[in-house]
Amino acid sequence: MKLLNDKKQFEKALAIFDQHGINNITTLSNFAITQVLKACAHMRDVQRGKIIHNLIASETKNDIYVSSTLIHMYVHCGDMASAQSLLDSTKTKTPSMYGIMMKGYIKNKQANKANDLFNEIENPNDINMILLFNACAQLKTKEALDLVKKTSKQIPKSFYSNPYLLTSLLDALMKCGDVAHAESLFYSSKQKVLPMHGAMMKGYVDNNLLEKAIDLFNKIENPNDVNVTILFNACAQLKTKEALHLVKKISKQIPKSFYSNPYLLTSLLDALMKCGDVAHAESLFYSSKHKVLSSYGAMMKDGVSIVKYNLSSLKDIKNNDKGHP
C-alpha cells in the first residue's frame, strides 16, 4: 500500500485493503493501518476511515503514529469534532498531534481554537510556533499581537534560525499592525530569505505603506514571483506615472517563466489598468496563454472604473461647454 500511496494511487491502495485487509484488520501491522488511513485522508473518505477506526484494536489506537494518522485523516476530511475528540482521549499527546489540529483549525478559520490548543502544549516545537503565529496573523487583534510578542520572547534563540518561523512571525506582526517591531526584527536578522522580504512587502501594502514596499523590493537581488506580484499590487494602489513606469520596467526584466504564474499575471494586469495603461494591459491579456478567471476580473473591474472616469470627465467637459458661448 505504501508504494501505491507514494505514487498517489490511493484508490488502488484502498482496493487492496478491501480485498485482503478489512476482514483481517486486527492482524495488520500498525504501519499498514497508517497507510490505509493515509489513503482515506487523500480520498477524503471519512466514512471508511471511521469504520477502520472502530475496528482496530485498542492497543493499536494507543500507538502514537496510528493516533496521529487518525487525527490527520479526520482533519483532512474536515471532521474537526472527531479529530478533537480523539485528541482529547489520547493519553500521550505529541507536538505533532497538536500541530495537525492547529493547522486544521486555521484552515477552517477557527484561529482562536488553534491558540487555545497551543497553550496546552508543554514543550512546543518550531512548527507549533509557526502555526501559532499564523493563527494570530489571521485574527489581527490586539490580544493576538500581545500573544505573538510574549511567545516570541520565550522561544529558544535557536528557533530564530528557522526562516519559516521568522517569516510567519514577521507576517503576524505586520498583520496585527506592529510595523515598527517587524522592521526591527527584519533588519536585525542575519538570515534574510525571499519569503521574509515577501512578508514585509505584503505587510507594508496592507498597512498602506506602499513606498516602503517598493523600496524594499529594490533591495532584493533576485526577487521571486511572489515578490514581483506584491510589487505590482503596491503599484496598483499608487496609481501614479512613476508606479506605471516601474511596473513596465520590472515586467520586462522578470524571467518568462514568471508569466506562467496566474497570480502574477493578474496583478500585472491590475497594475497596468489601475495606472491607466489600458493598451498595454490589453496586449498582454490577449497574448497570454495562461488566462484564469481572476485575469478576466482584473480587466473587467478596472476597465469599468476607467469607463466611469472617462464618462465623468466627458460630463464635466459638456457642463463646462454649456457655460460658454
Protein backbone atom coordinates (compact mmCIF):
# COMPACT_ATOMS: atom_id res chain seq x y z
CA MET A 1 0.00 0.00 0.00
CA LYS A 2 2.86 2.37 0.71
CA LEU A 3 4.15 2.03 -2.84
CA LEU A 4 0.70 2.87 -4.19
CA ASN A 5 0.34 5.81 -1.78
CA ASP A 6 3.76 7.12 -2.84
CA LYS A 7 2.54 7.01 -6.44
CA LYS A 8 -0.68 8.79 -5.37
CA GLN A 9 -2.71 5.74 -6.41
CA PHE A 10 -4.90 5.93 -3.33
CA GLU A 11 -7.92 4.17 -4.82
CA LYS A 12 -5.80 1.13 -5.63
CA ALA A 13 -4.37 1.14 -2.10
CA LEU A 14 -7.89 1.09 -0.65
CA ALA A 15 -8.94 -1.63 -3.10
CA ILE A 16 -6.12 -3.87 -1.84
CA PHE A 17 -7.17 -3.18 1.74
CA ASP A 18 -10.80 -4.04 0.93
CA GLN A 19 -9.70 -7.27 -0.71
CA HIS A 20 -7.17 -8.51 1.83
CA GLY A 21 -7.22 -6.40 4.98
CA ILE A 22 -10.73 -5.45 6.04
CA ASN A 23 -11.58 -8.95 7.32
CA ASN A 24 -8.19 -9.37 8.99
CA ILE A 25 -7.73 -5.87 10.33
CA THR A 26 -6.71 -6.99 13.83
CA THR A 27 -3.76 -8.89 12.34
CA LEU A 28 -2.47 -5.94 10.29
CA SER A 29 0.64 -4.11 11.46
CA ASN A 30 0.39 -0.57 12.76
CA PHE A 31 2.34 0.55 9.69
CA ALA A 32 -0.26 -1.00 7.37
CA ILE A 33 -3.05 0.71 9.33
CA THR A 34 -1.37 4.11 8.93
CA GLN A 35 -1.04 3.54 5.18
CA VAL A 36 -4.73 2.76 4.67
CA LEU A 37 -5.68 5.76 6.82
CA LYS A 38 -3.44 8.00 4.71
CA ALA A 39 -5.23 6.73 1.61
CA CYS A 40 -8.59 7.51 3.25
CA ALA A 41 -7.37 11.03 4.04
CA HIS A 42 -6.29 11.74 0.47
CA MET A 43 -9.55 10.35 -0.89
CA ARG A 44 -11.47 12.29 1.79
CA ASP A 45 -13.25 9.05 2.62
CA VAL A 46 -14.08 9.81 6.25
CA GLN A 47 -16.75 7.10 6.47
CA ARG A 48 -14.29 4.37 5.58
CA GLY A 49 -11.79 5.94 7.97
CA LYS A 50 -14.33 5.80 10.81
CA ILE A 51 -15.06 2.14 10.10
CA ILE A 52 -11.34 1.34 10.32
CA HIS A 53 -11.05 3.43 13.49
CA ASN A 54 -13.84 1.41 15.11
CA LEU A 55 -12.43 -1.96 14.00
CA ILE A 56 -8.80 -1.64 15.08
CA ALA A 57 -7.74 -2.97 18.47
CA SER A 58 -7.45 -0.61 21.45
CA GLU A 59 -3.69 -1.17 21.75
CA THR A 60 -3.35 -0.15 18.10
CA LYS A 61 -5.34 3.03 18.74
CA ASN A 62 -2.90 3.93 21.52
CA ASP A 63 0.07 3.82 19.14
CA ILE A 64 1.16 7.45 18.67
CA TYR A 65 1.72 7.03 14.92
CA VAL A 66 -1.71 5.48 14.41
CA SER A 67 -3.30 8.17 16.61
CA SER A 68 -1.53 10.93 14.67
CA THR A 69 -2.63 9.44 11.35
CA LEU A 70 -6.22 9.10 12.56
CA ILE A 71 -6.25 12.73 13.68
CA HIS A 72 -4.78 13.78 10.33
CA MET A 73 -7.41 11.76 8.48
CA TYR A 74 -10.27 13.43 10.35
CA VAL A 75 -8.76 16.91 9.94
CA HIS A 76 -8.06 16.39 6.22
CA CYS A 77 -11.67 15.26 5.75
CA GLY A 78 -12.97 18.33 7.62
CA ASP A 79 -14.32 16.41 10.63
CA MET A 80 -12.76 18.61 13.30
CA ALA A 81 -15.15 17.40 16.01
CA SER A 82 -13.99 13.78 15.67
CA ALA A 83 -10.36 14.90 15.48
CA GLN A 84 -10.70 16.96 18.66
CA SER A 85 -12.50 14.12 20.46
CA LEU A 86 -9.71 11.73 19.53
CA LEU A 87 -7.01 14.17 20.67
CA ASP A 88 -8.79 14.67 24.00
CA SER A 89 -8.96 10.91 24.59
CA THR A 90 -5.34 10.28 23.59
CA LYS A 91 -3.14 9.66 26.63
CA THR A 92 0.19 10.50 25.03
CA LYS A 93 -0.22 13.73 23.09
CA THR A 94 2.70 14.83 20.92
CA PRO A 95 3.57 18.27 19.48
CA SER A 96 2.91 16.75 16.05
CA MET A 97 -0.68 15.87 17.00
CA TYR A 98 -1.25 19.40 18.26
CA GLY A 99 0.28 20.75 15.05
CA ILE A 100 -2.14 18.75 12.90
CA MET A 101 -5.08 20.07 14.91
CA MET A 102 -3.86 23.67 14.91
CA LYS A 103 -3.38 23.59 11.14
CA GLY A 104 -6.92 22.24 10.74
CA TYR A 105 -8.44 24.98 12.88
CA ILE A 106 -6.52 27.68 11.00
CA LYS A 107 -7.71 26.25 7.68
CA ASN A 108 -11.28 26.31 8.99
CA LYS A 109 -10.95 29.96 10.13
CA GLN A 110 -11.04 28.99 13.82
CA ALA A 111 -7.78 30.61 14.84
CA ASN A 112 -8.84 31.09 18.48
CA LYS A 113 -9.16 27.32 18.89
CA ALA A 114 -5.67 26.89 17.45
CA ASN A 115 -4.34 29.34 20.05
CA ASP A 116 -6.16 27.51 22.85
CA LEU A 117 -4.53 24.25 21.77
CA PHE A 118 -1.10 25.87 21.66
CA ASN A 119 -1.45 26.82 25.32
CA GLU A 120 -1.89 23.12 26.18
CA ILE A 121 1.48 22.09 24.70
CA GLU A 122 4.16 21.59 27.34
CA ASN A 123 7.17 21.85 25.02
CA PRO A 124 6.06 23.32 21.68
CA ASN A 125 8.39 22.85 18.73
CA ASP A 126 9.15 25.35 15.99
CA ILE A 127 6.26 24.08 13.83
CA ASN A 128 3.81 24.70 16.68
CA MET A 129 5.24 28.23 16.97
CA ILE A 130 4.81 28.85 13.25
CA LEU A 131 1.19 27.72 13.42
CA LEU A 132 0.55 29.95 16.44
CA PHE A 133 1.91 32.97 14.55
CA ASN A 134 -0.22 32.01 11.52
CA ALA A 135 -3.30 31.86 13.75
CA CYS A 136 -2.53 35.27 15.26
CA ALA A 137 -1.98 36.71 11.78
CA GLN A 138 -5.46 35.50 10.88
CA LEU A 139 -7.02 37.10 13.98
CA LYS A 140 -5.38 40.55 13.58
CA THR A 141 -6.37 41.63 17.12
CA LYS A 142 -4.54 43.38 19.96
CA GLU A 143 -4.80 40.20 22.01
CA ALA A 144 -3.23 38.24 19.15
CA LEU A 145 -0.40 40.78 18.89
CA ASP A 146 0.25 40.54 22.64
CA LEU A 147 0.44 36.74 22.36
CA VAL A 148 2.84 36.97 19.42
CA LYS A 149 5.17 39.31 21.31
CA LYS A 150 5.01 37.27 24.51
CA THR A 151 5.72 33.99 22.73
CA SER A 152 8.49 35.42 20.56
CA LYS A 153 10.36 36.44 23.74
CA GLN A 154 10.05 32.97 25.27
CA ILE A 155 11.11 30.75 22.38
CA PRO A 156 14.67 29.36 22.20
CA LYS A 157 17.11 31.50 20.23
CA SER A 158 17.85 28.53 18.00
CA PHE A 159 14.31 28.77 16.62
CA TYR A 160 15.21 32.11 15.04
CA SER A 161 17.50 30.29 12.62
CA ASN A 162 14.37 28.78 11.05
CA PRO A 163 13.47 31.11 8.14
CA TYR A 164 9.89 29.79 8.03
CA LEU A 165 9.39 30.74 11.68
CA LEU A 166 10.84 34.20 11.11
CA THR A 167 8.60 34.69 8.08
CA SER A 168 5.46 33.71 10.00
CA LEU A 169 6.48 35.94 12.92
CA LEU A 170 7.02 38.93 10.61
CA ASP A 171 3.70 38.23 8.91
CA ALA A 172 1.89 38.10 12.27
CA LEU A 173 3.45 41.35 13.49
CA MET A 174 2.58 43.11 10.23
CA LYS A 175 -0.98 41.80 10.07
CA CYS A 176 -1.53 42.81 13.69
CA GLY A 177 -0.31 46.33 12.86
CA ASP A 178 3.08 46.46 14.64
CA VAL A 179 5.17 47.59 11.68
CA ALA A 180 7.99 49.00 13.85
CA HIS A 181 8.55 45.69 15.67
CA ALA A 182 8.52 43.78 12.37
CA GLU A 183 11.05 46.18 10.84
CA SER A 184 13.35 45.90 13.85
CA LEU A 185 13.27 42.10 13.67
CA PHE A 186 13.72 42.02 9.90
CA TYR A 187 16.70 44.34 9.72
CA SER A 188 18.44 42.70 12.71
CA SER A 189 18.11 39.25 11.15
CA LYS A 190 21.26 37.86 9.56
CA GLN A 191 19.49 35.19 7.52
CA LYS A 192 17.03 37.00 5.28
CA VAL A 193 15.25 34.81 2.74
CA LEU A 194 12.84 35.80 -0.03
CA PRO A 195 9.67 34.81 1.90
CA MET A 196 10.75 37.21 4.68
CA HIS A 197 11.00 40.02 2.13
CA GLY A 198 7.58 38.98 0.85
CA ALA A 199 6.04 39.09 4.33
CA MET A 200 7.45 42.58 4.89
CA MET A 201 6.33 43.85 1.48
CA LYS A 202 2.83 42.45 1.91
CA GLY A 203 2.70 43.96 5.38
CA TYR A 204 3.64 47.36 4.00
CA VAL A 205 0.93 47.07 1.34
CA ASP A 206 -1.67 46.01 3.93
CA ASN A 207 -0.68 48.94 6.13
CA ASN A 208 -0.77 51.36 3.16
CA LEU A 209 2.99 51.98 3.27
CA LEU A 210 3.36 51.46 -0.45
CA GLU A 211 6.59 53.37 -1.00
CA LYS A 212 8.28 51.25 1.67
CA ALA A 213 7.17 48.10 -0.13
CA ILE A 214 8.73 49.40 -3.35
CA ASP A 215 11.94 50.49 -1.60
CA LEU A 216 12.33 47.04 -0.07
CA PHE A 217 11.71 45.35 -3.42
CA ASN A 218 14.52 47.40 -4.96
CA LYS A 219 16.92 45.95 -2.36
CA ILE A 220 16.21 42.33 -3.32
CA GLU A 221 18.94 40.87 -5.54
CA ASN A 222 16.92 38.07 -7.14
CA PRO A 223 13.21 38.56 -6.40
CA ASN A 224 10.89 35.59 -6.88
CA ASP A 225 7.45 35.63 -8.48
CA VAL A 226 5.75 36.32 -5.14
CA ASN A 227 7.91 39.41 -4.52
CA VAL A 228 7.14 40.68 -8.02
CA THR A 229 3.40 40.05 -7.54
CA ILE A 230 3.39 42.10 -4.34
CA LEU A 231 5.31 44.90 -6.08
CA PHE A 232 2.63 45.07 -8.78
CA ASN A 233 -0.04 45.17 -6.06
CA ALA A 234 1.71 48.14 -4.44
CA CYS A 235 1.97 49.97 -7.76
CA ALA A 236 -1.70 49.27 -8.48
CA GLN A 237 -2.62 51.07 -5.27
CA LEU A 238 -0.37 54.05 -6.00
CA LYS A 239 -1.85 54.66 -9.49
CA THR A 240 0.92 57.11 -10.40
CA LYS A 241 3.01 57.70 -13.50
CA GLU A 242 6.11 56.62 -11.57
CA ALA A 243 4.38 53.42 -10.47
CA LEU A 244 3.41 52.63 -14.07
CA HIS A 245 6.99 53.22 -15.21
CA LEU A 246 8.26 50.78 -12.56
CA VAL A 247 5.65 48.16 -13.49
CA LYS A 248 6.64 48.27 -17.16
CA LYS A 249 10.35 48.21 -16.32
CA ILE A 250 10.08 45.19 -13.99
CA SER A 251 7.71 43.32 -16.31
CA LYS A 252 10.42 43.44 -19.00
CA GLN A 253 13.14 42.21 -16.63
CA ILE A 254 11.46 39.23 -14.99
CA PRO A 255 12.04 35.69 -16.33
CA LYS A 256 9.49 34.50 -18.88
CA SER A 257 8.66 31.57 -16.60
CA PHE A 258 7.08 34.04 -14.15
CA TYR A 259 4.32 34.72 -16.67
CA SER A 260 3.01 31.19 -16.18
CA ASN A 261 2.02 32.23 -12.64
CA PRO A 262 -1.65 33.32 -12.96
CA TYR A 263 -1.45 35.38 -9.75
CA LEU A 264 1.48 37.38 -11.10
CA LEU A 265 -0.22 37.88 -14.46
CA THR A 266 -3.41 39.07 -12.76
CA SER A 267 -1.55 41.52 -10.51
CA LEU A 268 0.37 42.86 -13.52
CA LEU A 269 -2.85 43.39 -15.49
CA ASP A 270 -4.43 45.04 -12.46
CA ALA A 271 -1.44 47.39 -12.03
CA LEU A 272 -1.40 48.37 -15.71
CA MET A 273 -5.15 49.05 -15.73
CA LYS A 274 -5.14 50.97 -12.45
CA CYS A 275 -2.20 53.06 -13.64
CA GLY A 276 -4.12 53.86 -16.84
CA ASP A 277 -2.21 51.90 -19.50
CA VAL A 278 -5.19 50.03 -20.98
CA ALA A 279 -3.48 49.35 -24.31
CA HIS A 280 -0.53 47.58 -22.67
CA ALA A 281 -2.86 45.56 -20.44
CA GLU A 282 -5.00 44.51 -23.42
CA SER A 283 -1.95 43.48 -25.43
CA LEU A 284 -0.66 41.35 -22.55
CA PHE A 285 -4.07 39.86 -21.82
CA TYR A 286 -4.84 38.75 -25.37
CA SER A 287 -1.34 37.37 -25.94
CA SER A 288 -1.34 35.36 -22.71
CA LYS A 289 -1.87 31.59 -22.82
CA HIS A 290 -2.41 31.35 -19.06
CA LYS A 291 -5.69 33.24 -18.59
CA VAL A 292 -7.66 32.49 -15.42
CA LEU A 293 -10.90 33.97 -14.10
CA SER A 294 -9.04 36.49 -11.95
CA SER A 295 -7.26 37.77 -15.08
CA TYR A 296 -10.62 38.45 -16.71
CA GLY A 297 -11.76 40.04 -13.45
CA ALA A 298 -8.82 42.45 -13.38
CA MET A 299 -9.53 43.57 -16.94
CA MET A 300 -13.28 43.92 -16.41
CA LYS A 301 -13.16 45.60 -13.00
CA ASP A 302 -10.54 48.16 -13.86
CA GLY A 303 -11.99 48.62 -17.34
CA VAL A 304 -15.33 49.62 -15.80
CA SER A 305 -13.56 52.07 -13.49
CA ILE A 306 -11.79 53.67 -16.44
CA VAL A 307 -15.03 53.91 -18.43
CA LYS A 308 -16.75 55.57 -15.45
CA TYR A 309 -13.83 58.00 -15.10
CA ASN A 310 -13.92 58.85 -18.81
CA LEU A 311 -17.72 59.33 -18.75
CA SER A 312 -17.38 61.57 -15.70
CA SER A 313 -14.67 63.60 -17.43
CA LEU A 314 -16.80 63.87 -20.57
CA LYS A 315 -19.76 65.04 -18.48
CA ASP A 316 -17.59 67.74 -16.86
CA ILE A 317 -16.42 68.91 -20.29
CA LYS A 318 -20.01 69.14 -21.55
CA ASN A 319 -21.07 71.07 -18.45
CA ASN A 320 -18.19 73.48 -18.95
CA ASP A 321 -19.15 73.91 -22.61
CA LYS A 322 -22.69 74.85 -21.58
CA GLY A 323 -21.30 77.74 -19.61
CA HIS A 324 -19.52 79.19 -22.63
CA PRO A 325 -20.98 80.51 -25.90
